[in-house]
Amino acid sequence: MDEQGYVIFLQKNKKPLGVIQRYTAGVRHFETYLAEHGKTLEEASPDDIRQGSGDFLALAMYYEYLGNERLCAAAHAAFSAKNYATLKLSVFMGILPETIHKLKAFGIITAEQMLSAGRTPTGRAALARETDISIEEILELVKLSDQARIGGHKRVRARLYHDAGLDTLDKIAALEPEEVCRKLDEYIRQSGFNGIPPTPREAANSVRMARYLPRMVEY
């Protein structure tokens, strides 16, 4: 572990001393785990990250420091996954309470359940028939649920990306972070959307995760 370089990187990103100490300890812990399996930090895989450390943010920033986009995205995804299973559909901005109530009657309460039930066109059509919810609403919720796998894309941010036309992982992944910031800023100014555009760092993380997250939805 290049601890000195990592500490300097964290300092440049304005991390307080307590966070720096926690993050360096987290990376050292993961390094020990990898060594027990005959690997180095540079040789780790996304599976190693998911299985070997609880401090995923520490690893995300370390691999960002190393310039390893794939493992940085894997660490962010592992961090987001901890809360994704309990993320309720009611969190999403702009969804009608009636729609939430109808889905709840069919046992669909969370984003994870929504994504599982509506990931295919056939599944979405069947769900629309069974719940008496329009196919457009079903697809909207599937897209929001899929997008919520990106760290920070929950209530307002998920709605902003969706309504600005960046409503699938592929559309987000196709842009550079600067283009994302520009597109969302333009949408906010033109529409009066009640929110702020992401910072360049936030946009970079969204693009990175969109590029590396496994595709789950069929369109």
Protein backbone atom coordinates (compact mmCIF):
# COMPACT_ATOMS: atom_id res chain seq x y z
CA MET A 1 0.00 0.00 0.00
CA ASP A 2 1.31 3.42 -0.94
CA GLU A 3 0.14 4.95 2.33
CA GLN A 4 2.00 8.24 1.97
CA GLY A 5 0.63 8.90 -1.49
CA TYR A 6 -2.87 7.89 -0.41
CA VAL A 7 -2.78 10.22 2.60
CA ILE A 8 -1.71 13.12 0.37
CA PHE A 9 -4.54 12.27 -2.02
CA LEU A 10 -7.06 12.26 0.83
CA GLN A 11 -5.72 15.57 2.11
CA LYS A 12 -6.11 17.10 -1.35
CA ASN A 13 -9.72 15.91 -1.27
CA LYS A 14 -10.18 17.74 2.06
CA LYS A 15 -10.76 14.65 4.18
CA PRO A 16 -10.43 15.32 7.94
CA LEU A 17 -7.78 13.57 9.99
CA GLY A 18 -10.20 11.06 11.51
CA VAL A 19 -11.44 9.97 8.09
CA ILE A 20 -7.88 9.70 6.77
CA GLN A 21 -6.94 7.45 9.67
CA ARG A 22 -10.04 5.29 9.18
CA TYR A 23 -9.54 5.01 5.42
CA THR A 24 -5.87 4.06 5.66
CA ALA A 25 -6.71 1.46 8.31
CA GLY A 26 -9.45 0.10 6.04
CA VAL A 27 -7.08 -0.30 3.11
CA ARG A 28 -4.45 -1.95 5.32
CA HIS A 29 -7.10 -4.39 6.54
CA PHE A 30 -8.03 -5.26 2.96
CA GLU A 31 -4.37 -5.60 2.03
CA THR A 32 -3.95 -8.16 4.83
CA TYR A 33 -7.02 -10.05 3.61
CA LEU A 34 -5.64 -10.17 0.07
CA ALA A 35 -2.21 -11.32 1.26
CA GLU A 36 -3.86 -14.28 2.95
CA HIS A 37 -5.23 -15.22 -0.46
CA GLY A 38 -1.96 -14.65 -2.30
CA LYS A 39 -2.88 -11.33 -3.88
CA THR A 40 -1.80 -7.70 -3.74
CA LEU A 41 -4.00 -4.60 -3.81
CA GLU A 42 -3.25 -4.21 -7.51
CA GLU A 43 -4.30 -7.81 -8.22
CA ALA A 44 -7.68 -7.64 -6.44
CA SER A 45 -10.93 -8.39 -8.25
CA PRO A 46 -14.43 -6.96 -7.72
CA ASP A 47 -15.33 -10.21 -5.94
CA ASP A 48 -12.41 -9.69 -3.55
CA ILE A 49 -13.75 -6.24 -2.71
CA ARG A 50 -17.26 -7.50 -2.05
CA GLN A 51 -16.04 -10.34 0.14
CA GLY A 52 -13.04 -8.87 1.92
CA SER A 53 -13.80 -5.48 3.44
CA GLY A 54 -16.53 -3.54 5.16
CA ASP A 55 -14.94 -0.13 4.52
CA PHE A 56 -15.85 0.15 0.88
CA LEU A 57 -15.48 3.94 0.73
CA ALA A 58 -11.86 3.63 1.84
CA LEU A 59 -11.22 1.19 -1.00
CA ALA A 60 -13.14 3.31 -3.50
CA MET A 61 -10.92 6.29 -2.79
CA TYR A 62 -7.75 4.18 -2.79
CA TYR A 63 -8.52 2.76 -6.21
CA GLU A 64 -9.49 6.23 -7.40
CA TYR A 65 -6.04 7.33 -6.22
CA LEU A 66 -4.48 4.45 -8.20
CA GLY A 67 -6.57 5.33 -11.26
CA ASN A 68 -8.23 1.89 -11.32
CA GLU A 69 -11.74 2.79 -12.51
CA ARG A 70 -13.03 -0.78 -12.46
CA LEU A 71 -12.17 -1.46 -8.82
CA CYS A 72 -13.16 2.03 -7.72
CA ALA A 73 -16.61 1.44 -9.22
CA ALA A 74 -16.79 -2.01 -7.64
CA ALA A 75 -16.10 -0.55 -4.19
CA HIS A 76 -18.72 2.17 -4.64
CA ALA A 77 -21.22 -0.44 -5.84
CA ALA A 78 -20.52 -2.64 -2.81
CA PHE A 79 -21.10 0.34 -0.52
CA SER A 80 -24.40 1.23 -2.23
CA ALA A 81 -25.57 -2.40 -2.16
CA LYS A 82 -25.56 -2.38 1.66
CA ASN A 83 -28.60 -0.09 1.70
CA TYR A 84 -30.17 -0.95 -1.64
CA ALA A 85 -32.09 -4.00 -0.39
CA THR A 86 -34.14 -1.83 1.98
CA LEU A 87 -34.59 1.21 -0.31
CA LYS A 88 -38.34 1.79 -0.56
CA LEU A 89 -40.06 2.91 -3.75
CA SER A 90 -41.76 5.66 -1.76
CA VAL A 91 -38.37 7.40 -1.52
CA PHE A 92 -38.44 8.29 -5.21
CA MET A 93 -39.60 11.80 -5.98
CA GLY A 94 -42.72 12.18 -8.13
CA ILE A 95 -44.28 8.73 -7.67
CA LEU A 96 -47.99 8.74 -6.87
CA PRO A 97 -49.00 7.28 -3.47
CA GLU A 98 -51.70 5.29 -5.27
CA THR A 99 -49.04 3.58 -7.39
CA ILE A 100 -47.00 2.72 -4.29
CA HIS A 101 -50.11 1.31 -2.62
CA LYS A 102 -51.01 -0.89 -5.61
CA LEU A 103 -47.50 -2.32 -5.82
CA LYS A 104 -47.41 -2.94 -2.09
CA ALA A 105 -50.52 -5.10 -2.43
CA PHE A 106 -48.48 -7.35 -4.74
CA GLY A 107 -45.54 -7.49 -2.32
CA ILE A 108 -43.41 -4.96 -4.19
CA ILE A 109 -42.16 -2.40 -1.70
CA THR A 110 -38.46 -1.88 -2.44
CA ALA A 111 -36.41 -0.84 -5.44
CA GLU A 112 -34.76 -4.26 -5.46
CA GLN A 113 -38.16 -5.99 -5.67
CA MET A 114 -39.27 -3.60 -8.41
CA LEU A 115 -36.15 -4.28 -10.45
CA SER A 116 -36.58 -8.03 -10.07
CA ALA A 117 -40.24 -7.98 -11.09
CA GLY A 118 -39.91 -5.56 -13.99
CA ARG A 119 -36.51 -6.13 -15.49
CA THR A 120 -37.89 -7.68 -18.72
CA PRO A 121 -40.55 -6.36 -21.12
CA THR A 122 -42.65 -9.46 -20.42
CA GLY A 123 -42.37 -8.94 -16.67
CA ARG A 124 -43.32 -5.28 -16.96
CA ALA A 125 -46.34 -6.06 -19.12
CA ALA A 126 -47.55 -8.71 -16.70
CA LEU A 127 -47.05 -6.38 -13.73
CA ALA A 128 -48.99 -3.61 -15.47
CA ARG A 129 -51.93 -5.97 -16.09
CA GLU A 130 -51.95 -7.39 -12.57
CA THR A 131 -51.64 -4.07 -10.74
CA ASP A 132 -53.67 -1.84 -13.10
CA ILE A 133 -50.70 0.51 -13.31
CA SER A 134 -49.77 1.92 -16.70
CA ILE A 135 -46.80 0.36 -18.45
CA GLU A 136 -45.23 3.83 -18.56
CA GLU A 137 -45.33 4.12 -14.77
CA ILE A 138 -43.96 0.61 -14.37
CA LEU A 139 -41.05 1.37 -16.69
CA GLU A 140 -40.37 4.66 -14.91
CA LEU A 141 -40.11 2.89 -11.57
CA VAL A 142 -37.88 0.20 -13.04
CA LYS A 143 -35.54 2.85 -14.43
CA LEU A 144 -35.43 4.72 -11.12
CA SER A 145 -34.83 1.47 -9.26
CA ASP A 146 -32.01 0.52 -11.61
CA GLN A 147 -30.44 3.96 -11.37
CA ALA A 148 -30.57 3.81 -7.55
CA ARG A 149 -27.79 1.22 -7.68
CA ILE A 150 -25.51 4.20 -8.37
CA GLY A 151 -24.31 5.75 -5.14
CA GLY A 152 -26.19 8.94 -4.28
CA HIS A 153 -28.97 8.43 -6.85
CA LYS A 154 -31.98 8.29 -4.57
CA ARG A 155 -34.85 10.75 -4.15
CA VAL A 156 -33.90 13.98 -5.94
CA ARG A 157 -30.80 12.90 -7.87
CA ALA A 158 -32.49 9.88 -9.46
CA ARG A 159 -35.42 12.05 -10.55
CA LEU A 160 -33.10 14.71 -11.96
CA TYR A 161 -31.16 12.26 -14.11
CA HIS A 162 -34.36 10.52 -15.22
CA ASP A 163 -36.23 13.67 -16.20
CA ALA A 164 -33.20 15.18 -17.92
CA GLY A 165 -33.12 12.19 -20.26
CA LEU A 166 -30.33 10.25 -18.56
CA ASP A 167 -32.77 7.55 -17.51
CA THR A 168 -30.69 4.41 -18.15
CA LEU A 169 -27.21 3.29 -17.17
CA ASP A 170 -26.19 3.16 -20.83
CA LYS A 171 -27.13 6.80 -21.40
CA ILE A 172 -25.16 7.92 -18.37
CA ALA A 173 -22.20 5.74 -19.28
CA ALA A 174 -22.06 7.18 -22.79
CA LEU A 175 -21.18 10.66 -21.52
CA GLU A 176 -18.12 12.17 -19.90
CA PRO A 177 -18.62 13.73 -16.44
CA GLU A 178 -18.30 17.25 -17.84
CA GLU A 179 -21.11 16.54 -20.31
CA VAL A 180 -23.31 15.17 -17.51
CA CYS A 181 -22.82 18.32 -15.43
CA ARG A 182 -23.54 20.53 -18.42
CA LYS A 183 -26.66 18.61 -19.46
CA LEU A 184 -28.13 18.53 -15.96
CA ASP A 185 -27.33 22.18 -15.30
CA GLU A 186 -29.03 23.13 -18.55
CA TYR A 187 -32.09 21.03 -17.69
CA ILE A 188 -32.41 22.63 -14.26
CA ARG A 189 -32.20 26.15 -15.72
CA GLN A 190 -34.71 25.45 -18.47
CA SER A 191 -37.23 23.43 -16.45
CA GLY A 192 -37.01 25.09 -13.05
CA PHE A 193 -36.31 21.70 -11.45
CA ASN A 194 -36.00 22.08 -7.68
CA GLY A 195 -32.50 20.74 -7.24
CA ILE A 196 -28.85 21.36 -8.00
CA PRO A 197 -26.56 19.69 -10.55
CA PRO A 198 -23.94 17.23 -9.33
CA THR A 199 -20.41 18.37 -8.64
CA PRO A 200 -17.77 17.23 -11.14
CA ARG A 201 -16.64 14.60 -8.64
CA GLU A 202 -20.20 13.31 -8.14
CA ALA A 203 -20.77 13.19 -11.89
CA ALA A 204 -17.50 11.31 -12.38
CA ASN A 205 -18.60 8.69 -9.86
CA SER A 206 -22.01 8.34 -11.52
CA VAL A 207 -20.43 7.82 -14.93
CA ARG A 208 -17.87 5.38 -13.53
CA MET A 209 -20.50 3.26 -11.80
CA ALA A 210 -22.84 3.38 -14.80
CA ARG A 211 -20.05 2.00 -16.96
CA TYR A 212 -19.16 -0.89 -14.68
CA LEU A 213 -22.42 -1.95 -13.00
CA PRO A 214 -23.83 -5.21 -14.41
CA ARG A 215 -26.80 -4.62 -16.71
CA MET A 216 -30.02 -6.00 -15.23
CA VAL A 217 -32.82 -4.38 -17.28
CA GLU A 218 -33.90 -5.51 -20.74
CA TYR A 219 -35.49 -2.82 -22.93
